[in-house]
């Protein structure tokens, strides 16, 4: 039995779909936080983290193989234990420098 795991470019697709709004979102966050760069970047990090977690949670194509669905008990190609989705994080270095 050969195991073939198809590509699932969720990160690339998230950036492709969501990044066009990031510039405007950052401007809004800067204005809302009195142009405190570090604070705005933290909020932006949380925003993008949530977007990536949503893409991981909602990714459906290609579906799991029938054998994988039997093993996991559900068909969500990017989630087995939730470890990857729960490991998404960000860091802000610098700030107002």
PDB file of N, CA and C in Angstrom:
ATOM      1  N   UNK A   1       0.854  -1.184   0.000  1.00  0.00           N
ATOM      2  CA  UNK A   1       0.000   0.000   0.000  1.00  0.00           C
ATOM      3  C   UNK A   1       0.896   1.242   0.000  1.00  0.00           C
ATOM      4  N   UNK A   2       0.724   2.076  -0.984  1.00  0.00           N
ATOM      5  CA  UNK A   2       1.499   3.310  -1.087  1.00  0.00           C
ATOM      6  C   UNK A   2       0.693   4.468  -0.524  1.00  0.00           C
ATOM      7  N   UNK A   3       1.305   5.211   0.347  1.00  0.00           N
ATOM      8  CA  UNK A   3       0.651   6.386   0.919  1.00  0.00           C
ATOM      9  C   UNK A   3       0.995   7.591   0.056  1.00  0.00           C
ATOM     10  N   UNK A   4      -0.034   8.225  -0.463  1.00  0.00           N
ATOM     11  CA  UNK A   4       0.154   9.420  -1.276  1.00  0.00           C
ATOM     12  C   UNK A   4      -0.615  10.557  -0.624  1.00  0.00           C
ATOM     13  N   UNK A   5       0.100  11.565  -0.204  1.00  0.00           N
ATOM     14  CA  UNK A   5      -0.538  12.723   0.412  1.00  0.00           C
ATOM     15  C   UNK A   5      -0.528  13.850  -0.611  1.00  0.00           C
ATOM     16  N   UNK A   6      -1.706  14.254  -1.060  1.00  0.00           N
ATOM     17  CA  UNK A   6      -1.764  15.307  -2.080  1.00  0.00           C
ATOM     18  C   UNK A   6      -1.421  16.669  -1.484  1.00  0.00           C
ATOM     19  N   UNK A   7      -0.961  17.585  -2.320  1.00  0.00           N
ATOM     20  CA  UNK A   7      -0.664  18.927  -1.804  1.00  0.00           C
ATOM     21  C   UNK A   7      -1.939  19.624  -1.340  1.00  0.00           C
ATOM     22  N   UNK A   8      -1.803  20.379  -0.278  1.00  0.00           N
ATOM     23  CA  UNK A   8      -2.910  21.172   0.253  1.00  0.00           C
ATOM     24  C   UNK A   8      -2.342  22.546   0.608  1.00  0.00           C
ATOM     25  N   UNK A   9      -2.258  23.419  -0.383  1.00  0.00           N
ATOM     26  CA  UNK A   9      -1.568  24.709  -0.208  1.00  0.00           C
ATOM     27  C   UNK A   9      -2.406  25.750   0.537  1.00  0.00           C
ATOM     28  N   UNK A  10      -2.848  25.401   1.740  1.00  0.00           N
ATOM     29  CA  UNK A  10      -3.730  26.284   2.502  1.00  0.00           C
ATOM     30  C   UNK A  10      -3.068  27.606   2.855  1.00  0.00           C
ATOM     31  N   UNK A  11      -1.787  27.597   3.199  1.00  0.00           N
ATOM     32  CA  UNK A  11      -1.101  28.833   3.602  1.00  0.00           C
ATOM     33  C   UNK A  11      -1.015  29.790   2.412  1.00  0.00           C
ATOM     34  N   UNK A  12      -0.596  29.270   1.282  1.00  0.00           N
ATOM     35  CA  UNK A  12      -0.497  30.082   0.068  1.00  0.00           C
ATOM     36  C   UNK A  12      -1.857  30.651  -0.327  1.00  0.00           C
ATOM     37  N   UNK A  13      -2.903  29.828  -0.249  1.00  0.00           N
ATOM     38  CA  UNK A  13      -4.250  30.273  -0.618  1.00  0.00           C
ATOM     39  C   UNK A  13      -4.774  31.319   0.361  1.00  0.00           C
ATOM     40  N   UNK A  14      -4.473  31.162   1.646  1.00  0.00           N
ATOM     41  CA  UNK A  14      -4.900  32.159   2.620  1.00  0.00           C
ATOM     42  C   UNK A  14      -4.266  33.504   2.295  1.00  0.00           C
ATOM     43  N   UNK A  15      -2.973  33.506   2.020  1.00  0.00           N
ATOM     44  CA  UNK A  15      -2.281  34.752   1.681  1.00  0.00           C
ATOM     45  C   UNK A  15      -2.865  35.341   0.398  1.00  0.00           C
ATOM     46  N   UNK A  16      -3.095  34.502  -0.595  1.00  0.00           N
ATOM     47  CA  UNK A  16      -3.661  34.958  -1.865  1.00  0.00           C
ATOM     48  C   UNK A  16      -5.029  35.619  -1.670  1.00  0.00           C
ATOM     49  N   UNK A  17      -5.868  35.023  -0.830  1.00  0.00           N
ATOM     50  CA  UNK A  17      -7.224  35.530  -0.640  1.00  0.00           C
ATOM     51  C   UNK A  17      -7.321  36.666   0.374  1.00  0.00           C
ATOM     52  N   UNK A  18      -6.503  36.648   1.394  1.00  0.00           N
ATOM     53  CA  UNK A  18      -6.666  37.597   2.497  1.00  0.00           C
ATOM     54  C   UNK A  18      -5.700  38.777   2.477  1.00  0.00           C
ATOM     55  N   UNK A  19      -4.518  38.618   1.902  1.00  0.00           N
ATOM     56  CA  UNK A  19      -3.523  39.696   1.975  1.00  0.00           C
ATOM     57  C   UNK A  19      -3.945  41.000   1.306  1.00  0.00           C
ATOM     58  N   UNK A  20      -4.795  40.992   0.276  1.00  0.00           N
ATOM     59  CA  UNK A  20      -5.183  42.286  -0.297  1.00  0.00           C
ATOM     60  C   UNK A  20      -5.838  43.240   0.703  1.00  0.00           C
ATOM     61  N   UNK A  21      -6.427  42.722   1.756  1.00  0.00           N
ATOM     62  CA  UNK A  21      -7.085  43.579   2.750  1.00  0.00           C
ATOM     63  C   UNK A  21      -6.155  43.999   3.891  1.00  0.00           C
ATOM     64  N   UNK A  22      -4.970  43.435   3.963  1.00  0.00           N
ATOM     65  CA  UNK A  22      -4.104  43.677   5.115  1.00  0.00           C
ATOM     66  C   UNK A  22      -3.623  45.119   5.215  1.00  0.00           C
ATOM     67  N   UNK A  23      -3.326  45.758   4.104  1.00  0.00           N
ATOM     68  CA  UNK A  23      -2.850  47.142   4.150  1.00  0.00           C
ATOM     69  C   UNK A  23      -3.873  48.067   4.776  1.00  0.00           C
ATOM     70  N   UNK A  24      -5.109  47.961   4.307  1.00  0.00           N
ATOM     71  CA  UNK A  24      -6.184  48.796   4.849  1.00  0.00           C
ATOM     72  C   UNK A  24      -6.453  48.466   6.316  1.00  0.00           C
ATOM     73  N   UNK A  25      -6.397  47.188   6.653  1.00  0.00           N
ATOM     74  CA  UNK A  25      -6.599  46.766   8.046  1.00  0.00           C
ATOM     75  C   UNK A  25      -5.519  47.365   8.942  1.00  0.00           C
ATOM     76  N   UNK A  26      -4.275  47.358   8.472  1.00  0.00           N
ATOM     77  CA  UNK A  26      -3.177  47.911   9.265  1.00  0.00           C
ATOM     78  C   UNK A  26      -3.357  49.406   9.473  1.00  0.00           C
ATOM     79  N   UNK A  27      -3.775  50.126   8.448  1.00  0.00           N
ATOM     80  CA  UNK A  27      -4.031  51.568   8.584  1.00  0.00           C
ATOM     81  C   UNK A  27      -5.108  51.802   9.640  1.00  0.00           C
ATOM     82  N   UNK A  28      -6.174  51.019   9.588  1.00  0.00           N
ATOM     83  CA  UNK A  28      -7.258  51.141  10.568  1.00  0.00           C
ATOM     84  C   UNK A  28      -6.748  50.878  11.979  1.00  0.00           C
ATOM     85  N   UNK A  29      -5.930  49.848  12.133  1.00  0.00           N
ATOM     86  CA  UNK A  29      -5.392  49.518  13.455  1.00  0.00           C
ATOM     87  C   UNK A  29      -4.440  50.592  13.959  1.00  0.00           C
ATOM     88  N   UNK A  30      -3.631  51.147  13.090  1.00  0.00           N
ATOM     89  CA  UNK A  30      -2.728  52.230  13.497  1.00  0.00           C
ATOM     90  C   UNK A  30      -3.524  53.437  13.983  1.00  0.00           C
ATOM     91  N   UNK A  31      -4.539  53.813  13.232  1.00  0.00           N
ATOM     92  CA  UNK A  31      -5.365  54.959  13.631  1.00  0.00           C
ATOM     93  C   UNK A  31      -6.081  54.695  14.951  1.00  0.00           C
ATOM     94  N   UNK A  32      -6.598  53.488  15.109  1.00  0.00           N
ATOM     95  CA  UNK A  32      -7.351  53.135  16.315  1.00  0.00           C
ATOM     96  C   UNK A  32      -6.462  53.051  17.547  1.00  0.00           C
ATOM     97  N   UNK A  33      -5.161  52.901  17.349  1.00  0.00           N
ATOM     98  CA  UNK A  33      -4.230  52.743  18.473  1.00  0.00           C
ATOM     99  C   UNK A  33      -3.242  53.893  18.548  1.00  0.00           C
ATOM    100  N   UNK A  34      -3.684  55.073  18.138  1.00  0.00           N
ATOM    101  CA  UNK A  34      -2.885  56.299  18.253  1.00  0.00           C
ATOM    102  C   UNK A  34      -1.506  56.129  17.609  1.00  0.00           C
ATOM    103  N   UNK A  35      -1.473  55.394  16.503  1.00  0.00           N
ATOM    104  CA  UNK A  35      -0.255  55.152  15.721  1.00  0.00           C
ATOM    105  C   UNK A  35       0.848  54.451  16.523  1.00  0.00           C
ATOM    106  N   UNK A  36       0.428  53.669  17.511  1.00  0.00           N
ATOM    107  CA  UNK A  36       1.358  52.823  18.267  1.00  0.00           C
ATOM    108  C   UNK A  36       1.614  51.571  17.420  1.00  0.00           C
ATOM    109  N   UNK A  37       2.770  51.545  16.792  1.00  0.00           N
ATOM    110  CA  UNK A  37       3.099  50.473  15.851  1.00  0.00           C
ATOM    111  C   UNK A  37       3.079  49.097  16.509  1.00  0.00           C
ATOM    112  N   UNK A  38       3.679  48.977  17.676  1.00  0.00           N
ATOM    113  CA  UNK A  38       3.754  47.673  18.341  1.00  0.00           C
ATOM    114  C   UNK A  38       2.362  47.133  18.643  1.00  0.00           C
ATOM    115  N   UNK A  39       1.489  47.983  19.158  1.00  0.00           N
ATOM    116  CA  UNK A  39       0.127  47.551  19.475  1.00  0.00           C
ATOM    117  C   UNK A  39      -0.625  47.168  18.205  1.00  0.00           C
ATOM    118  N   UNK A  40      -0.514  47.995  17.170  1.00  0.00           N
ATOM    119  CA  UNK A  40      -1.198  47.698  15.906  1.00  0.00           C
ATOM    120  C   UNK A  40      -0.697  46.385  15.311  1.00  0.00           C
ATOM    121  N   UNK A  41       0.603  46.128  15.411  1.00  0.00           N
ATOM    122  CA  UNK A  41       1.154  44.881  14.875  1.00  0.00           C
ATOM    123  C   UNK A  41       0.669  43.663  15.656  1.00  0.00           C
ATOM    124  N   UNK A  42       0.499  43.806  16.970  1.00  0.00           N
ATOM    125  CA  UNK A  42      -0.049  42.707  17.771  1.00  0.00           C
ATOM    126  C   UNK A  42      -1.473  42.392  17.305  1.00  0.00           C
ATOM    127  N   UNK A  43      -2.285  43.421  17.151  1.00  0.00           N
ATOM    128  CA  UNK A  43      -3.648  43.206  16.663  1.00  0.00           C
ATOM    129  C   UNK A  43      -3.651  42.614  15.256  1.00  0.00           C
ATOM    130  N   UNK A  44      -2.735  43.068  14.422  1.00  0.00           N
ATOM    131  CA  UNK A  44      -2.642  42.536  13.059  1.00  0.00           C
ATOM    132  C   UNK A  44      -2.222  41.070  13.095  1.00  0.00           C
ATOM    133  N   UNK A  45      -1.276  40.740  13.969  1.00  0.00           N
ATOM    134  CA  UNK A  45      -0.860  39.347  14.126  1.00  0.00           C
ATOM    135  C   UNK A  45      -2.019  38.459  14.535  1.00  0.00           C
ATOM    136  N   UNK A  46      -2.819  38.930  15.483  1.00  0.00           N
ATOM    137  CA  UNK A  46      -3.997  38.168  15.918  1.00  0.00           C
ATOM    138  C   UNK A  46      -4.982  37.990  14.765  1.00  0.00           C
ATOM    139  N   UNK A  47      -5.154  39.038  13.989  1.00  0.00           N
ATOM    140  CA  UNK A  47      -6.082  38.999  12.854  1.00  0.00           C
ATOM    141  C   UNK A  47      -5.636  37.960  11.821  1.00  0.00           C
ATOM    142  N   UNK A  48      -4.371  37.996  11.442  1.00  0.00           N
ATOM    143  CA  UNK A  48      -3.856  37.056  10.439  1.00  0.00           C
ATOM    144  C   UNK A  48      -3.820  35.639  11.003  1.00  0.00           C
ATOM    145  N   UNK A  49      -3.490  35.496  12.266  1.00  0.00           N
ATOM    146  CA  UNK A  49      -3.525  34.185  12.923  1.00  0.00           C
ATOM    147  C   UNK A  49      -4.925  33.582  12.813  1.00  0.00           C
ATOM    148  N   UNK A  50      -5.932  34.376  13.101  1.00  0.00           N
ATOM    149  CA  UNK A  50      -7.314  33.902  12.999  1.00  0.00           C
ATOM    150  C   UNK A  50      -7.689  33.516  11.580  1.00  0.00           C
ATOM    151  N   UNK A  51      -7.210  34.294  10.611  1.00  0.00           N
ATOM    152  CA  UNK A  51      -7.492  33.967   9.216  1.00  0.00           C
ATOM    153  C   UNK A  51      -6.857  32.637   8.824  1.00  0.00           C
ATOM    154  N   UNK A  52      -5.618  32.410   9.248  1.00  0.00           N
ATOM    155  CA  UNK A  52      -4.943  31.156   8.915  1.00  0.00           C
ATOM    156  C   UNK A  52      -5.634  29.978   9.597  1.00  0.00           C
ATOM    157  N   UNK A  53      -6.011  30.142  10.860  1.00  0.00           N
ATOM    158  CA  UNK A  53      -6.718  29.066  11.557  1.00  0.00           C
ATOM    159  C   UNK A  53      -8.052  28.755  10.876  1.00  0.00           C
ATOM    160  N   UNK A  54      -8.739  29.775  10.396  1.00  0.00           N
ATOM    161  CA  UNK A  54      -9.992  29.564   9.685  1.00  0.00           C
ATOM    162  C   UNK A  54      -9.749  28.761   8.404  1.00  0.00           C
ATOM    163  N   UNK A  55      -8.678  29.082   7.673  1.00  0.00           N
ATOM    164  CA  UNK A  55      -8.371  28.339   6.447  1.00  0.00           C
ATOM    165  C   UNK A  55      -8.053  26.883   6.769  1.00  0.00           C
ATOM    166  N   UNK A  56      -7.316  26.631   7.836  1.00  0.00           N
ATOM    167  CA  UNK A  56      -7.005  25.253   8.237  1.00  0.00           C
ATOM    168  C   UNK A  56      -8.299  24.515   8.580  1.00  0.00           C
ATOM    169  N   UNK A  57      -9.149  25.145   9.366  1.00  0.00           N
ATOM    170  CA  UNK A  57     -10.402  24.523   9.805  1.00  0.00           C
ATOM    171  C   UNK A  57     -11.345  24.243   8.628  1.00  0.00           C
ATOM    172  N   UNK A  58     -11.412  25.176   7.669  1.00  0.00           N
ATOM    173  CA  UNK A  58     -12.392  25.079   6.588  1.00  0.00           C
ATOM    174  C   UNK A  58     -11.877  24.401   5.317  1.00  0.00           C
ATOM    175  N   UNK A  59     -10.597  24.040   5.255  1.00  0.00           N
ATOM    176  CA  UNK A  59     -10.004  23.451   4.049  1.00  0.00           C
ATOM    177  C   UNK A  59     -10.619  22.080   3.791  1.00  0.00           C
ATOM    178  N   UNK A  60     -11.116  21.864   2.581  1.00  0.00           N
ATOM    179  CA  UNK A  60     -11.806  20.603   2.276  1.00  0.00           C
ATOM    180  C   UNK A  60     -11.256  19.838   1.079  1.00  0.00           C
ATOM    181  N   UNK A  61     -10.394  20.425   0.268  1.00  0.00           N
ATOM    182  CA  UNK A  61      -9.957  19.803  -0.974  1.00  0.00           C
ATOM    183  C   UNK A  61      -8.458  19.619  -1.034  1.00  0.00           C
ATOM    184  N   UNK A  62      -7.983  18.506  -1.542  1.00  0.00           N
ATOM    185  CA  UNK A  62      -8.749  17.300  -1.778  1.00  0.00           C
ATOM    186  C   UNK A  62      -9.131  16.645  -0.459  1.00  0.00           C
ATOM    187  N   UNK A  63     -10.228  15.916  -0.452  1.00  0.00           N
ATOM    188  CA  UNK A  63     -10.681  15.291   0.790  1.00  0.00           C
ATOM    189  C   UNK A  63      -9.734  14.177   1.231  1.00  0.00           C
ATOM    190  N   UNK A  64      -9.894  13.766   2.470  1.00  0.00           N
ATOM    191  CA  UNK A  64      -9.142  12.617   2.968  1.00  0.00           C
ATOM    192  C   UNK A  64      -9.565  11.362   2.214  1.00  0.00           C
ATOM    193  N   UNK A  65      -8.640  10.431   2.125  1.00  0.00           N
ATOM    194  CA  UNK A  65      -8.961   9.118   1.562  1.00  0.00           C
ATOM    195  C   UNK A  65      -9.953   8.422   2.495  1.00  0.00           C
ATOM    196  N   UNK A  66     -10.720   7.508   1.946  1.00  0.00           N
ATOM    197  CA  UNK A  66     -11.705   6.773   2.748  1.00  0.00           C
ATOM    198  C   UNK A  66     -11.038   6.089   3.942  1.00  0.00           C
ATOM    199  N   UNK A  67      -9.845   5.544   3.743  1.00  0.00           N
ATOM    200  CA  UNK A  67      -9.136   4.872   4.845  1.00  0.00           C
ATOM    201  C   UNK A  67      -8.773   5.862   5.953  1.00  0.00           C
ATOM    202  N   UNK A  68      -8.437   7.088   5.575  1.00  0.00           N
ATOM    203  CA  UNK A  68      -8.104   8.116   6.566  1.00  0.00           C
ATOM    204  C   UNK A  68      -9.352   8.548   7.321  1.00  0.00           C
ATOM    205  N   UNK A  69     -10.462   8.684   6.615  1.00  0.00           N
ATOM    206  CA  UNK A  69     -11.727   9.046   7.270  1.00  0.00           C
ATOM    207  C   UNK A  69     -12.108   7.970   8.279  1.00  0.00           C
ATOM    208  N   UNK A  70     -11.934   6.703   7.911  1.00  0.00           N
ATOM    209  CA  UNK A  70     -12.232   5.609   8.853  1.00  0.00           C
ATOM    210  C   UNK A  70     -11.343   5.708  10.088  1.00  0.00           C
ATOM    211  N   UNK A  71     -10.074   6.008   9.887  1.00  0.00           N
ATOM    212  CA  UNK A  71      -9.123   6.089  10.999  1.00  0.00           C
ATOM    213  C   UNK A  71      -9.413   7.287  11.900  1.00  0.00           C
ATOM    214  N   UNK A  72      -9.657   8.453  11.284  1.00  0.00           N
ATOM    215  CA  UNK A  72      -9.879   9.683  12.047  1.00  0.00           C
ATOM    216  C   UNK A  72     -11.307   9.797  12.570  1.00  0.00           C
ATOM    217  N   UNK A  73     -12.243   9.269  11.802  1.00  0.00           N
ATOM    218  CA  UNK A  73     -13.645   9.379  12.174  1.00  0.00           C
ATOM    219  C   UNK A  73     -14.328  10.602  11.590  1.00  0.00           C
ATOM    220  N   UNK A  74     -13.603  11.377  10.793  1.00  0.00           N
ATOM    221  CA  UNK A  74     -14.174  12.560  10.143  1.00  0.00           C
ATOM    222  C   UNK A  74     -13.308  12.925   8.951  1.00  0.00           C
ATOM    223  N   UNK A  75     -13.855  13.783   8.088  1.00  0.00           N
ATOM    224  CA  UNK A  75     -13.133  14.184   6.884  1.00  0.00           C
ATOM    225  C   UNK A  75     -12.792  15.662   6.961  1.00  0.00           C
ATOM    226  N   UNK A  76     -11.661  15.950   7.524  1.00  0.00           N
ATOM    227  CA  UNK A  76     -11.113  17.301   7.490  1.00  0.00           C
ATOM    228  C   UNK A  76      -9.632  17.123   7.193  1.00  0.00           C
ATOM    229  N   UNK A  77      -9.225  17.402   5.948  1.00  0.00           N
ATOM    230  CA  UNK A  77      -7.876  17.065   5.501  1.00  0.00           C
ATOM    231  C   UNK A  77      -6.735  17.660   6.326  1.00  0.00           C
ATOM    232  N   UNK A  78      -6.941  18.806   6.947  1.00  0.00           N
ATOM    233  CA  UNK A  78      -5.837  19.445   7.667  1.00  0.00           C
ATOM    234  C   UNK A  78      -5.927  19.295   9.178  1.00  0.00           C
ATOM    235  N   UNK A  79      -6.934  18.594   9.653  1.00  0.00           N
ATOM    236  CA  UNK A  79      -7.078  18.433  11.101  1.00  0.00           C
ATOM    237  C   UNK A  79      -7.165  16.956  11.444  1.00  0.00           C
ATOM    238  N   UNK A  80      -6.313  16.558  12.359  1.00  0.00           N
ATOM    239  CA  UNK A  80      -6.428  15.226  12.944  1.00  0.00           C
ATOM    240  C   UNK A  80      -6.578  15.391  14.446  1.00  0.00           C
ATOM    241  N   UNK A  81      -5.610  16.056  15.054  1.00  0.00           N
ATOM    242  CA  UNK A  81      -5.672  16.298  16.496  1.00  0.00           C
ATOM    243  C   UNK A  81      -5.945  17.762  16.822  1.00  0.00           C
ATOM    244  N   UNK A  82      -5.786  18.639  15.849  1.00  0.00           N
ATOM    245  CA  UNK A  82      -5.914  20.077  16.089  1.00  0.00           C
ATOM    246  C   UNK A  82      -4.592  20.729  16.438  1.00  0.00           C
ATOM    247  N   UNK A  83      -3.528  19.929  16.530  1.00  0.00           N
ATOM    248  CA  UNK A  83      -2.226  20.453  16.936  1.00  0.00           C
ATOM    249  C   UNK A  83      -1.718  21.535  15.983  1.00  0.00           C
ATOM    250  N   UNK A  84      -1.785  21.290  14.678  1.00  0.00           N
ATOM    251  CA  UNK A  84      -1.273  22.279  13.730  1.00  0.00           C
ATOM    252  C   UNK A  84      -2.056  23.585  13.841  1.00  0.00           C
ATOM    253  N   UNK A  85      -3.385  23.493  13.864  1.00  0.00           N
ATOM    254  CA  UNK A  85      -4.204  24.698  13.932  1.00  0.00           C
ATOM    255  C   UNK A  85      -3.940  25.464  15.234  1.00  0.00           C
ATOM    256  N   UNK A  86      -3.810  24.740  16.329  1.00  0.00           N
ATOM    257  CA  UNK A  86      -3.570  25.386  17.621  1.00  0.00           C
ATOM    258  C   UNK A  86      -2.146  25.892  17.779  1.00  0.00           C
ATOM    259  N   UNK A  87      -1.255  25.486  16.884  1.00  0.00           N
ATOM    260  CA  UNK A  87       0.138  25.933  16.945  1.00  0.00           C
ATOM    261  C   UNK A  87       0.394  27.207  16.154  1.00  0.00           C
ATOM    262  N   UNK A  88      -0.591  27.681  15.408  1.00  0.00           N
ATOM    263  CA  UNK A  88      -0.422  28.918  14.637  1.00  0.00           C
ATOM    264  C   UNK A  88      -0.179  30.058  15.617  1.00  0.00           C
ATOM    265  N   UNK A  89       0.860  30.825  15.371  1.00  0.00           N
ATOM    266  CA  UNK A  89       1.191  31.936  16.260  1.00  0.00           C
ATOM    267  C   UNK A  89       1.946  32.991  15.470  1.00  0.00           C
ATOM    268  N   UNK A  90       2.327  34.032  16.124  1.00  0.00           N
ATOM    269  CA  UNK A  90       3.041  35.140  15.490  1.00  0.00           C
ATOM    270  C   UNK A  90       3.918  35.785  16.550  1.00  0.00           C
ATOM    271  N   UNK A  91       4.834  36.619  16.114  1.00  0.00           N
ATOM    272  CA  UNK A  91       5.609  37.423  17.061  1.00  0.00           C
ATOM    273  C   UNK A  91       5.801  38.800  16.459  1.00  0.00           C
ATOM    274  N   UNK A  92       5.908  39.772  17.323  1.00  0.00           N
ATOM    275  CA  UNK A  92       6.156  41.154  16.918  1.00  0.00           C
ATOM    276  C   UNK A  92       7.506  41.538  17.492  1.00  0.00           C
ATOM    277  N   UNK A  93       8.430  41.887  16.625  1.00  0.00           N
ATOM    278  CA  UNK A  93       9.761  42.318  17.049  1.00  0.00           C
ATOM    279  C   UNK A  93       9.922  43.793  16.725  1.00  0.00           C
ATOM    280  N   UNK A  94      10.443  44.550  17.642  1.00  0.00           N
ATOM    281  CA  UNK A  94      10.691  45.969  17.372  1.00  0.00           C
ATOM    282  C   UNK A  94       9.566  46.840  17.862  1.00  0.00           C
ATOM    283  N   UNK A  95       8.751  47.294  16.948  1.00  0.00           N
ATOM    284  CA  UNK A  95       7.653  48.174  17.322  1.00  0.00           C
ATOM    285  C   UNK A  95       7.906  49.572  16.832  1.00  0.00           C
ATOM    286  N   UNK A  96       7.980  50.513  17.750  1.00  0.00           N
ATOM    287  CA  UNK A  96       8.104  51.929  17.393  1.00  0.00           C
ATOM    288  C   UNK A  96       9.529  52.354  17.086  1.00  0.00           C
ATOM    289  N   UNK A  97      10.359  51.477  16.638  1.00  0.00           N
ATOM    290  CA  UNK A  97      11.754  51.814  16.337  1.00  0.00           C
ATOM    291  C   UNK A  97      11.869  52.430  14.975  1.00  0.00           C
TER     292      UNK A  97
END
